[in-house]
C-alpha atoms as a PDB file:
ATOM      1  CA  UNK A   1     111.425  99.251  20.775  1.00  0.00           C
ATOM      2  CA  UNK A   2     107.744  98.644  19.933  1.00  0.00           C
ATOM      3  CA  UNK A   3     105.922  96.140  22.095  1.00  0.00           C
ATOM      4  CA  UNK A   4     106.773  92.632  20.939  1.00  0.00           C
ATOM      5  CA  UNK A   5     104.713  89.492  21.396  1.00  0.00           C
ATOM      6  CA  UNK A   6     105.911  86.724  23.734  1.00  0.00           C
ATOM      7  CA  UNK A   7     106.973  84.758  20.634  1.00  0.00           C
ATOM      8  CA  UNK A   8     109.137  87.578  19.262  1.00  0.00           C
ATOM      9  CA  UNK A   9     110.547  88.250  22.719  1.00  0.00           C
ATOM     10  CA  UNK A  10     111.734  84.639  22.888  1.00  0.00           C
ATOM     11  CA  UNK A  11     113.305  84.771  19.422  1.00  0.00           C
ATOM     12  CA  UNK A  12     115.050  88.092  19.997  1.00  0.00           C
ATOM     13  CA  UNK A  13     116.445  87.010  23.365  1.00  0.00           C
ATOM     14  CA  UNK A  14     117.856  83.813  21.840  1.00  0.00           C
ATOM     15  CA  UNK A  15     119.482  85.732  18.971  1.00  0.00           C
ATOM     16  CA  UNK A  16     121.072  88.262  21.313  1.00  0.00           C
ATOM     17  CA  UNK A  17     122.439  85.543  23.593  1.00  0.00           C
ATOM     18  CA  UNK A  18     123.935  83.600  20.668  1.00  0.00           C
ATOM     19  CA  UNK A  19     125.468  86.798  19.304  1.00  0.00           C
ATOM     20  CA  UNK A  20     127.810  87.168  22.276  1.00  0.00           C
ATOM     21  CA  UNK A  21     130.013  84.253  21.268  1.00  0.00           C
ATOM     22  CA  UNK A  22     130.013  85.419  17.640  1.00  0.00           C
ATOM     23  CA  UNK A  23     131.253  88.860  18.680  1.00  0.00           C
ATOM     24  CA  UNK A  24     134.046  87.294  20.736  1.00  0.00           C
ATOM     25  CA  UNK A  25     135.063  84.911  17.965  1.00  0.00           C
ATOM     26  CA  UNK A  26     134.899  87.629  15.317  1.00  0.00           C
ATOM     27  CA  UNK A  27     137.417  89.580  17.371  1.00  0.00           C
ATOM     28  CA  UNK A  28     139.775  86.599  17.213  1.00  0.00           C
ATOM     29  CA  UNK A  29     138.898  85.353  13.759  1.00  0.00           C
ATOM     30  CA  UNK A  30     142.506  84.436  12.914  1.00  0.00           C
ATOM     31  CA  UNK A  31     142.588  81.954  15.798  1.00  0.00           C
ATOM     32  CA  UNK A  32     139.389  80.100  14.927  1.00  0.00           C
ATOM     33  CA  UNK A  33     139.534  76.392  14.251  1.00  0.00           C
ATOM     34  CA  UNK A  34     138.071  75.959  10.787  1.00  0.00           C
ATOM     35  CA  UNK A  35     137.174  72.767   8.977  1.00  0.00           C
ATOM     36  CA  UNK A  36     135.921  72.298   5.428  1.00  0.00           C
ATOM     37  CA  UNK A  37     132.575  70.686   4.779  1.00  0.00           C
ATOM     38  CA  UNK A  38     132.564  71.169   1.003  1.00  0.00           C
ATOM     39  CA  UNK A  39     134.177  73.219  -1.749  1.00  0.00           C
ATOM     40  CA  UNK A  40     134.375  76.816  -0.551  1.00  0.00           C
ATOM     41  CA  UNK A  41     131.798  75.994   2.119  1.00  0.00           C
ATOM     42  CA  UNK A  42     133.316  76.518   5.531  1.00  0.00           C
ATOM     43  CA  UNK A  43     132.106  75.802   9.026  1.00  0.00           C
ATOM     44  CA  UNK A  44     133.828  77.295  12.048  1.00  0.00           C
ATOM     45  CA  UNK A  45     133.642  76.611  15.730  1.00  0.00           C
ATOM     46  CA  UNK A  46     131.634  79.844  15.901  1.00  0.00           C
ATOM     47  CA  UNK A  47     128.766  78.236  13.915  1.00  0.00           C
ATOM     48  CA  UNK A  48     128.529  75.349  16.330  1.00  0.00           C
ATOM     49  CA  UNK A  49     128.657  77.452  19.485  1.00  0.00           C
ATOM     50  CA  UNK A  50     125.991  79.853  18.243  1.00  0.00           C
ATOM     51  CA  UNK A  51     123.755  77.017  17.057  1.00  0.00           C
ATOM     52  CA  UNK A  52     124.063  75.212  20.383  1.00  0.00           C
ATOM     53  CA  UNK A  53     123.023  78.363  22.234  1.00  0.00           C
ATOM     54  CA  UNK A  54     120.030  78.876  19.948  1.00  0.00           C
ATOM     55  CA  UNK A  55     118.988  75.244  20.241  1.00  0.00           C
ATOM     56  CA  UNK A  56     119.173  75.322  24.033  1.00  0.00           C
ATOM     57  CA  UNK A  57     117.396  78.660  24.446  1.00  0.00           C
ATOM     58  CA  UNK A  58     114.564  77.960  22.013  1.00  0.00           C
ATOM     59  CA  UNK A  59     114.076  74.426  23.370  1.00  0.00           C
ATOM     60  CA  UNK A  60     113.910  75.750  26.919  1.00  0.00           C
ATOM     61  CA  UNK A  61     111.190  78.310  26.262  1.00  0.00           C
ATOM     62  CA  UNK A  62     109.235  76.327  23.660  1.00  0.00           C
ATOM     63  CA  UNK A  63     109.741  72.638  24.536  1.00  0.00           C
ATOM     64  CA  UNK A  64     108.526  70.231  21.894  1.00  0.00           C
ATOM     65  CA  UNK A  65     109.018  72.491  18.883  1.00  0.00           C
ATOM     66  CA  UNK A  66     110.965  70.938  16.034  1.00  0.00           C
ATOM     67  CA  UNK A  67     114.043  72.408  14.386  1.00  0.00           C
ATOM     68  CA  UNK A  68     115.562  72.731  10.943  1.00  0.00           C
ATOM     69  CA  UNK A  69     119.119  73.957  11.450  1.00  0.00           C
ATOM     70  CA  UNK A  70     122.143  74.367   9.209  1.00  0.00           C
ATOM     71  CA  UNK A  71     124.462  72.122  11.219  1.00  0.00           C
ATOM     72  CA  UNK A  72     122.038  69.808  13.038  1.00  0.00           C
ATOM     73  CA  UNK A  73     119.659  69.342  10.137  1.00  0.00           C
ATOM     74  CA  UNK A  74     116.065  68.301  10.861  1.00  0.00           C
ATOM     75  CA  UNK A  75     115.231  67.659  14.516  1.00  0.00           C
ATOM     76  CA  UNK A  76     111.753  66.222  15.079  1.00  0.00           C
ATOM     77  CA  UNK A  77     109.787  67.664  17.970  1.00  0.00           C
ATOM     78  CA  UNK A  78     106.805  66.309  19.859  1.00  0.00           C
ATOM     79  CA  UNK A  79     104.839  69.340  18.650  1.00  0.00           C
ATOM     80  CA  UNK A  80     104.404  68.618  14.952  1.00  0.00           C
ATOM     81  CA  UNK A  81     102.762  71.972  14.180  1.00  0.00           C
ATOM     82  CA  UNK A  82     105.697  74.242  15.064  1.00  0.00           C
ATOM     83  CA  UNK A  83     109.233  74.240  13.690  1.00  0.00           C
ATOM     84  CA  UNK A  84     112.132  76.647  14.147  1.00  0.00           C
ATOM     85  CA  UNK A  85     114.197  77.272  11.002  1.00  0.00           C
ATOM     86  CA  UNK A  86     117.594  78.529  12.122  1.00  0.00           C
ATOM     87  CA  UNK A  87     120.863  79.704  10.632  1.00  0.00           C
ATOM     88  CA  UNK A  88     123.307  80.487  13.464  1.00  0.00           C
ATOM     89  CA  UNK A  89     125.719  82.300  11.167  1.00  0.00           C
ATOM     90  CA  UNK A  90     124.574  83.404   7.731  1.00  0.00           C
ATOM     91  CA  UNK A  91     127.603  84.823   5.971  1.00  0.00           C
ATOM     92  CA  UNK A  92     130.201  82.426   7.374  1.00  0.00           C
ATOM     93  CA  UNK A  93     132.670  83.209   4.607  1.00  0.00           C
ATOM     94  CA  UNK A  94     132.426  86.926   5.400  1.00  0.00           C
ATOM     95  CA  UNK A  95     132.914  86.130   9.084  1.00  0.00           C
ATOM     96  CA  UNK A  96     136.024  84.048   8.468  1.00  0.00           C
ATOM     97  CA  UNK A  97     137.552  86.784   6.296  1.00  0.00           C
ATOM     98  CA  UNK A  98     136.956  89.480   8.873  1.00  0.00           C
ATOM     99  CA  UNK A  99     134.142  91.130   6.903  1.00  0.00           C
ATOM    100  CA  UNK A 100     131.502  92.517   9.315  1.00  0.00           C
ATOM    101  CA  UNK A 101     128.468  91.448   7.293  1.00  0.00           C
ATOM    102  CA  UNK A 102     126.813  88.350   8.762  1.00  0.00           C
ATOM    103  CA  UNK A 103     123.729  87.533  10.783  1.00  0.00           C
ATOM    104  CA  UNK A 104     121.784  85.156  12.986  1.00  0.00           C
ATOM    105  CA  UNK A 105     118.512  84.115  11.343  1.00  0.00           C
ATOM    106  CA  UNK A 106     115.537  82.557  13.162  1.00  0.00           C
ATOM    107  CA  UNK A 107     112.101  81.830  11.693  1.00  0.00           C
ATOM    108  CA  UNK A 108     109.070  80.028  13.050  1.00  0.00           C
ATOM    109  CA  UNK A 109     106.996  77.864  10.743  1.00  0.00           C
ATOM    110  CA  UNK A 110     103.545  76.931  12.062  1.00  0.00           C
ATOM    111  CA  UNK A 111     101.490  74.328  10.194  1.00  0.00           C
ATOM    112  CA  UNK A 112     103.601  74.932   7.110  1.00  0.00           C
ATOM    113  CA  UNK A 113     103.280  78.725   7.180  1.00  0.00           C
ATOM    114  CA  UNK A 114     106.107  81.119   8.072  1.00  0.00           C
ATOM    115  CA  UNK A 115     104.714  83.356  10.822  1.00  0.00           C
ATOM    116  CA  UNK A 116     107.685  85.126  12.436  1.00  0.00           C
ATOM    117  CA  UNK A 117     111.256  86.046  11.625  1.00  0.00           C
ATOM    118  CA  UNK A 118     114.273  87.593  13.331  1.00  0.00           C
ATOM    119  CA  UNK A 119     117.529  88.470  11.557  1.00  0.00           C
ATOM    120  CA  UNK A 120     120.234  90.015  13.732  1.00  0.00           C
ATOM    121  CA  UNK A 121     123.200  91.770  12.125  1.00  0.00           C
ATOM    122  CA  UNK A 122     125.515  91.222  15.051  1.00  0.00           C
ATOM    123  CA  UNK A 123     128.310  93.698  14.367  1.00  0.00           C
ATOM    124  CA  UNK A 124     126.060  96.597  13.333  1.00  0.00           C
ATOM    125  CA  UNK A 125     123.556  95.771  16.106  1.00  0.00           C
ATOM    126  CA  UNK A 126     120.711  95.889  13.580  1.00  0.00           C
ATOM    127  CA  UNK A 127     117.784  93.741  14.615  1.00  0.00           C
ATOM    128  CA  UNK A 128     115.258  93.049  11.846  1.00  0.00           C
ATOM    129  CA  UNK A 129     112.061  91.385  13.041  1.00  0.00           C
ATOM    130  CA  UNK A 130     108.524  90.708  11.924  1.00  0.00           C
ATOM    131  CA  UNK A 131     105.439  88.712  12.800  1.00  0.00           C
ATOM    132  CA  UNK A 132     102.645  87.844  10.425  1.00  0.00           C
ATOM    133  CA  UNK A 133      99.996  90.553  10.466  1.00  0.00           C
ATOM    134  CA  UNK A 134     102.018  92.865  12.727  1.00  0.00           C
ATOM    135  CA  UNK A 135     104.522  94.526  10.401  1.00  0.00           C
ATOM    136  CA  UNK A 136     108.300  94.603   9.984  1.00  0.00           C
ATOM    137  CA  UNK A 137     110.794  96.545  12.071  1.00  0.00           C
ATOM    138  CA  UNK A 138     114.454  97.482  12.237  1.00  0.00           C
ATOM    139  CA  UNK A 139     115.236  97.886  15.925  1.00  0.00           C
ATOM    140  CA  UNK A 140     112.430 100.244  17.001  1.00  0.00           C
ATOM    141  CA  UNK A 141     111.486 101.678  13.605  1.00  0.00           C
ATOM    142  CA  UNK A 142     108.833 100.371  11.190  1.00  0.00           C
ATOM    143  CA  UNK A 143     110.284  99.532   7.778  1.00  0.00           C
ATOM    144  CA  UNK A 144     108.776  99.352   4.297  1.00  0.00           C
ATOM    145  CA  UNK A 145     110.045  98.195   0.914  1.00  0.00           C
ATOM    146  CA  UNK A 146     111.140 100.929  -1.486  1.00  0.00           C
ATOM    147  CA  UNK A 147     108.536 102.394  -3.843  1.00  0.00           C
ATOM    148  CA  UNK A 148     110.677 102.493  -6.995  1.00  0.00           C
ATOM    149  CA  UNK A 149     109.021 100.983 -10.049  1.00  0.00           C
ATOM    150  CA  UNK A 150     111.635 101.581 -12.761  1.00  0.00           C
ATOM    151  CA  UNK A 151     114.335  98.935 -13.225  1.00  0.00           C
ATOM    152  CA  UNK A 152     116.751 101.623 -14.434  1.00  0.00           C
ATOM    153  CA  UNK A 153     116.654 103.272 -10.997  1.00  0.00           C
ATOM    154  CA  UNK A 154     116.788 100.063  -8.968  1.00  0.00           C
ATOM    155  CA  UNK A 155     119.655  98.346  -7.161  1.00  0.00           C
ATOM    156  CA  UNK A 156     119.357  94.578  -6.789  1.00  0.00           C
ATOM    157  CA  UNK A 157     121.120  92.013  -4.637  1.00  0.00           C
ATOM    158  CA  UNK A 158     122.051  88.463  -5.540  1.00  0.00           C
ATOM    159  CA  UNK A 159     124.360  85.606  -4.640  1.00  0.00           C
ATOM    160  CA  UNK A 160     126.619  83.560  -6.866  1.00  0.00           C
ATOM    161  CA  UNK A 161     127.276  79.799  -6.667  1.00  0.00           C
ATOM    162  CA  UNK A 162     130.450  78.889  -4.828  1.00  0.00           C
ATOM    163  CA  UNK A 163     133.252  76.960  -6.484  1.00  0.00           C
ATOM    164  CA  UNK A 164     132.293  73.322  -6.938  1.00  0.00           C
ATOM    165  CA  UNK A 165     128.575  74.055  -7.137  1.00  0.00           C
ATOM    166  CA  UNK A 166     126.555  74.017 -10.352  1.00  0.00           C
ATOM    167  CA  UNK A 167     124.922  77.011 -11.960  1.00  0.00           C
ATOM    168  CA  UNK A 168     127.801  79.392 -12.677  1.00  0.00           C
ATOM    169  CA  UNK A 169     126.976  79.863 -16.346  1.00  0.00           C
ATOM    170  CA  UNK A 170     123.285  80.483 -15.627  1.00  0.00           C
ATOM    171  CA  UNK A 171     124.173  82.956 -12.888  1.00  0.00           C
ATOM    172  CA  UNK A 172     126.484  84.919 -15.166  1.00  0.00           C
ATOM    173  CA  UNK A 173     123.746  85.175 -17.796  1.00  0.00           C
ATOM    174  CA  UNK A 174     121.249  86.315 -15.159  1.00  0.00           C
ATOM    175  CA  UNK A 175     123.682  88.877 -13.795  1.00  0.00           C
ATOM    176  CA  UNK A 176     124.427  90.223 -17.272  1.00  0.00           C
ATOM    177  CA  UNK A 177     120.747  90.663 -18.045  1.00  0.00           C
ATOM    178  CA  UNK A 178     119.907  92.401 -14.772  1.00  0.00           C
ATOM    179  CA  UNK A 179     122.963  94.665 -14.925  1.00  0.00           C
ATOM    180  CA  UNK A 180     121.978  95.763 -18.433  1.00  0.00           C
ATOM    181  CA  UNK A 181     118.617  97.169 -17.285  1.00  0.00           C
ATOM    182  CA  UNK A 182     119.260  98.291 -13.690  1.00  0.00           C
ATOM    183  CA  UNK A 183     121.234 100.872 -11.709  1.00  0.00           C
ATOM    184  CA  UNK A 184     123.380  98.145 -10.195  1.00  0.00           C
ATOM    185  CA  UNK A 185     123.760  94.677  -8.709  1.00  0.00           C
ATOM    186  CA  UNK A 186     125.387  93.843  -5.358  1.00  0.00           C
ATOM    187  CA  UNK A 187     126.709  90.523  -4.090  1.00  0.00           C
ATOM    188  CA  UNK A 188     127.258  90.807  -0.299  1.00  0.00           C
ATOM    189  CA  UNK A 189     127.268  87.182   0.777  1.00  0.00           C
ATOM    190  CA  UNK A 190     124.398  86.839   3.280  1.00  0.00           C
ATOM    191  CA  UNK A 191     120.955  86.086   1.837  1.00  0.00           C
ATOM    192  CA  UNK A 192     119.114  86.776   5.092  1.00  0.00           C
ATOM    193  CA  UNK A 193     120.507  90.313   5.170  1.00  0.00           C
ATOM    194  CA  UNK A 194     119.878  90.811   1.452  1.00  0.00           C
ATOM    195  CA  UNK A 195     116.198  90.131   2.103  1.00  0.00           C
ATOM    196  CA  UNK A 196     116.134  92.419   5.135  1.00  0.00           C
ATOM    197  CA  UNK A 197     117.750  95.175   3.076  1.00  0.00           C
ATOM    198  CA  UNK A 198     114.928  94.748   0.555  1.00  0.00           C
ATOM    199  CA  UNK A 199     112.456  95.063   3.425  1.00  0.00           C
ATOM    200  CA  UNK A 200     114.163  98.261   4.607  1.00  0.00           C
ATOM    201  CA  UNK A 201     114.279  99.799   1.118  1.00  0.00           C
ATOM    202  CA  UNK A 202     118.060  99.620   0.847  1.00  0.00           C
ATOM    203  CA  UNK A 203     117.852  97.157  -2.026  1.00  0.00           C
ATOM    204  CA  UNK A 204     114.959  97.181  -4.483  1.00  0.00           C
ATOM    205  CA  UNK A 205     114.969  93.452  -5.100  1.00  0.00           C
ATOM    206  CA  UNK A 206     116.836  90.194  -4.632  1.00  0.00           C
ATOM    207  CA  UNK A 207     117.207  86.913  -6.462  1.00  0.00           C
ATOM    208  CA  UNK A 208     119.266  83.786  -5.934  1.00  0.00           C
ATOM    209  CA  UNK A 209     119.129  80.054  -6.640  1.00  0.00           C
ATOM    210  CA  UNK A 210     120.233  76.995  -4.661  1.00  0.00           C
ATOM    211  CA  UNK A 211     119.559  78.464  -1.240  1.00  0.00           C
ATOM    212  CA  UNK A 212     118.609  76.491   1.873  1.00  0.00           C
ATOM    213  CA  UNK A 213     115.450  77.129   3.918  1.00  0.00           C
ATOM    214  CA  UNK A 214     117.442  78.607   6.806  1.00  0.00           C
ATOM    215  CA  UNK A 215     118.975  81.176   4.434  1.00  0.00           C
ATOM    216  CA  UNK A 216     115.639  82.741   3.533  1.00  0.00           C
ATOM    217  CA  UNK A 217     112.827  81.767   5.929  1.00  0.00           C
ATOM    218  CA  UNK A 218     113.169  84.647   8.398  1.00  0.00           C
ATOM    219  CA  UNK A 219     113.971  87.211   5.711  1.00  0.00           C
ATOM    220  CA  UNK A 220     110.900  86.180   3.733  1.00  0.00           C
ATOM    221  CA  UNK A 221     108.594  86.966   6.674  1.00  0.00           C
ATOM    222  CA  UNK A 222     110.280  90.353   7.123  1.00  0.00           C
ATOM    223  CA  UNK A 223     109.965  91.311   3.435  1.00  0.00           C
ATOM    224  CA  UNK A 224     106.310  90.333   3.302  1.00  0.00           C
ATOM    225  CA  UNK A 225     105.472  92.253   6.471  1.00  0.00           C
ATOM    226  CA  UNK A 226     107.307  95.261   5.000  1.00  0.00           C
ATOM    227  CA  UNK A 227     104.858  95.253   2.087  1.00  0.00           C
ATOM    228  CA  UNK A 228     106.980  93.276  -0.352  1.00  0.00           C
ATOM    229  CA  UNK A 229     106.652  89.961  -2.136  1.00  0.00           C
ATOM    230  CA  UNK A 230     108.795  86.827  -1.915  1.00  0.00           C
ATOM    231  CA  UNK A 231     108.256  84.088  -4.468  1.00  0.00           C
ATOM    232  CA  UNK A 232     109.900  81.127  -6.126  1.00  0.00           C
ATOM    233  CA  UNK A 233     111.641  82.074  -9.358  1.00  0.00           C
ATOM    234  CA  UNK A 234     109.886  79.389 -11.385  1.00  0.00           C
ATOM    235  CA  UNK A 235     106.590  79.265  -9.514  1.00  0.00           C
ATOM    236  CA  UNK A 236     107.129  76.507  -6.939  1.00  0.00           C
ATOM    237  CA  UNK A 237     107.872  76.543  -3.201  1.00  0.00           C
ATOM    238  CA  UNK A 238     111.107  78.462  -2.544  1.00  0.00           C
ATOM    239  CA  UNK A 239     111.691  76.677   0.766  1.00  0.00           C
ATOM    240  CA  UNK A 240     111.919  73.434  -1.208  1.00  0.00           C
ATOM    241  CA  UNK A 241     113.693  74.600  -4.383  1.00  0.00           C
ATOM    242  CA  UNK A 242     115.879  77.364  -2.972  1.00  0.00           C
ATOM    243  CA  UNK A 243     115.170  79.657  -5.949  1.00  0.00           C
ATOM    244  CA  UNK A 244     114.027  82.980  -4.516  1.00  0.00           C
ATOM    245  CA  UNK A 245     113.028  86.365  -5.912  1.00  0.00           C
ATOM    246  CA  UNK A 246     111.885  89.316  -3.782  1.00  0.00           C
ATOM    247  CA  UNK A 247     110.860  92.918  -4.329  1.00  0.00           C
ATOM    248  CA  UNK A 248     107.945  95.313  -4.309  1.00  0.00           C
ATOM    249  CA  UNK A 249     104.734  94.695  -6.229  1.00  0.00           C
ATOM    250  CA  UNK A 250     105.899  96.681  -9.287  1.00  0.00           C
ATOM    251  CA  UNK A 251     109.497  95.490  -9.603  1.00  0.00           C
ATOM    252  CA  UNK A 252     109.178  91.824  -8.690  1.00  0.00           C
ATOM    253  CA  UNK A 253     107.448  90.813 -11.968  1.00  0.00           C
ATOM    254  CA  UNK A 254     110.028  92.775 -13.964  1.00  0.00           C
ATOM    255  CA  UNK A 255     112.960  91.238 -12.098  1.00  0.00           C
ATOM    256  CA  UNK A 256     111.484  87.749 -12.397  1.00  0.00           C
ATOM    257  CA  UNK A 257     110.961  88.121 -16.149  1.00  0.00           C
ATOM    258  CA  UNK A 258     114.503  89.436 -16.625  1.00  0.00           C
ATOM    259  CA  UNK A 259     116.094  86.607 -14.645  1.00  0.00           C
ATOM    260  CA  UNK A 260     113.992  83.884 -16.282  1.00  0.00           C
ATOM    261  CA  UNK A 261     115.012  85.241 -19.664  1.00  0.00           C
ATOM    262  CA  UNK A 262     118.575  84.165 -18.992  1.00  0.00           C
END
């Protein structure tokens, strides 16, 4: 693996430690205690265990940093300039159905700017990581966004609203429009990995609405350091609105225009 900074070393170590309990629980997924926290929005004991590990490890090595976490919410730190944005299990629904496509996502926001991201696909042992100004990597290999510039040759990723959430009709219109002008659309159920797949050139672009900051913060750093762009679909701040579009310099404007047209 290329030489990582002390910051990335801390983030990667925390992700790997938290992954151990996820691997164990994934092997016994039928025995997990699962509660519902909203329509089609599940939280398992695995989420809580992984988040606790991440909270403890990151707090130990960087005391005073704040947190924004899926289960804990916003945790104020004494250091107001640094905040971890953490999803201990992105793709919970996949996890609970025995589908091996989920990840741990950790980002660091410093003075309002995302500066580092780690997304760890636990089952495939694929570690995506990036630091501002350093580049993006998959394990020990440098990654770049794909160079395609024709929508007809491109494959895009997206996510659909779950039952009980608004936006189904808009999503279906968006999907119809993108499918009509592209090689294909995939819906794999983990936004952090969708963004990393854009960074690695596996997908050519990604869009989704109603996401949370922990879904996209780390992936956004990785896409940008891989030479791609990540923006808000309607021009605002995607960490606040949750409406995200990503791709290379040529395809992102085309994808954005197509989706907005819906």
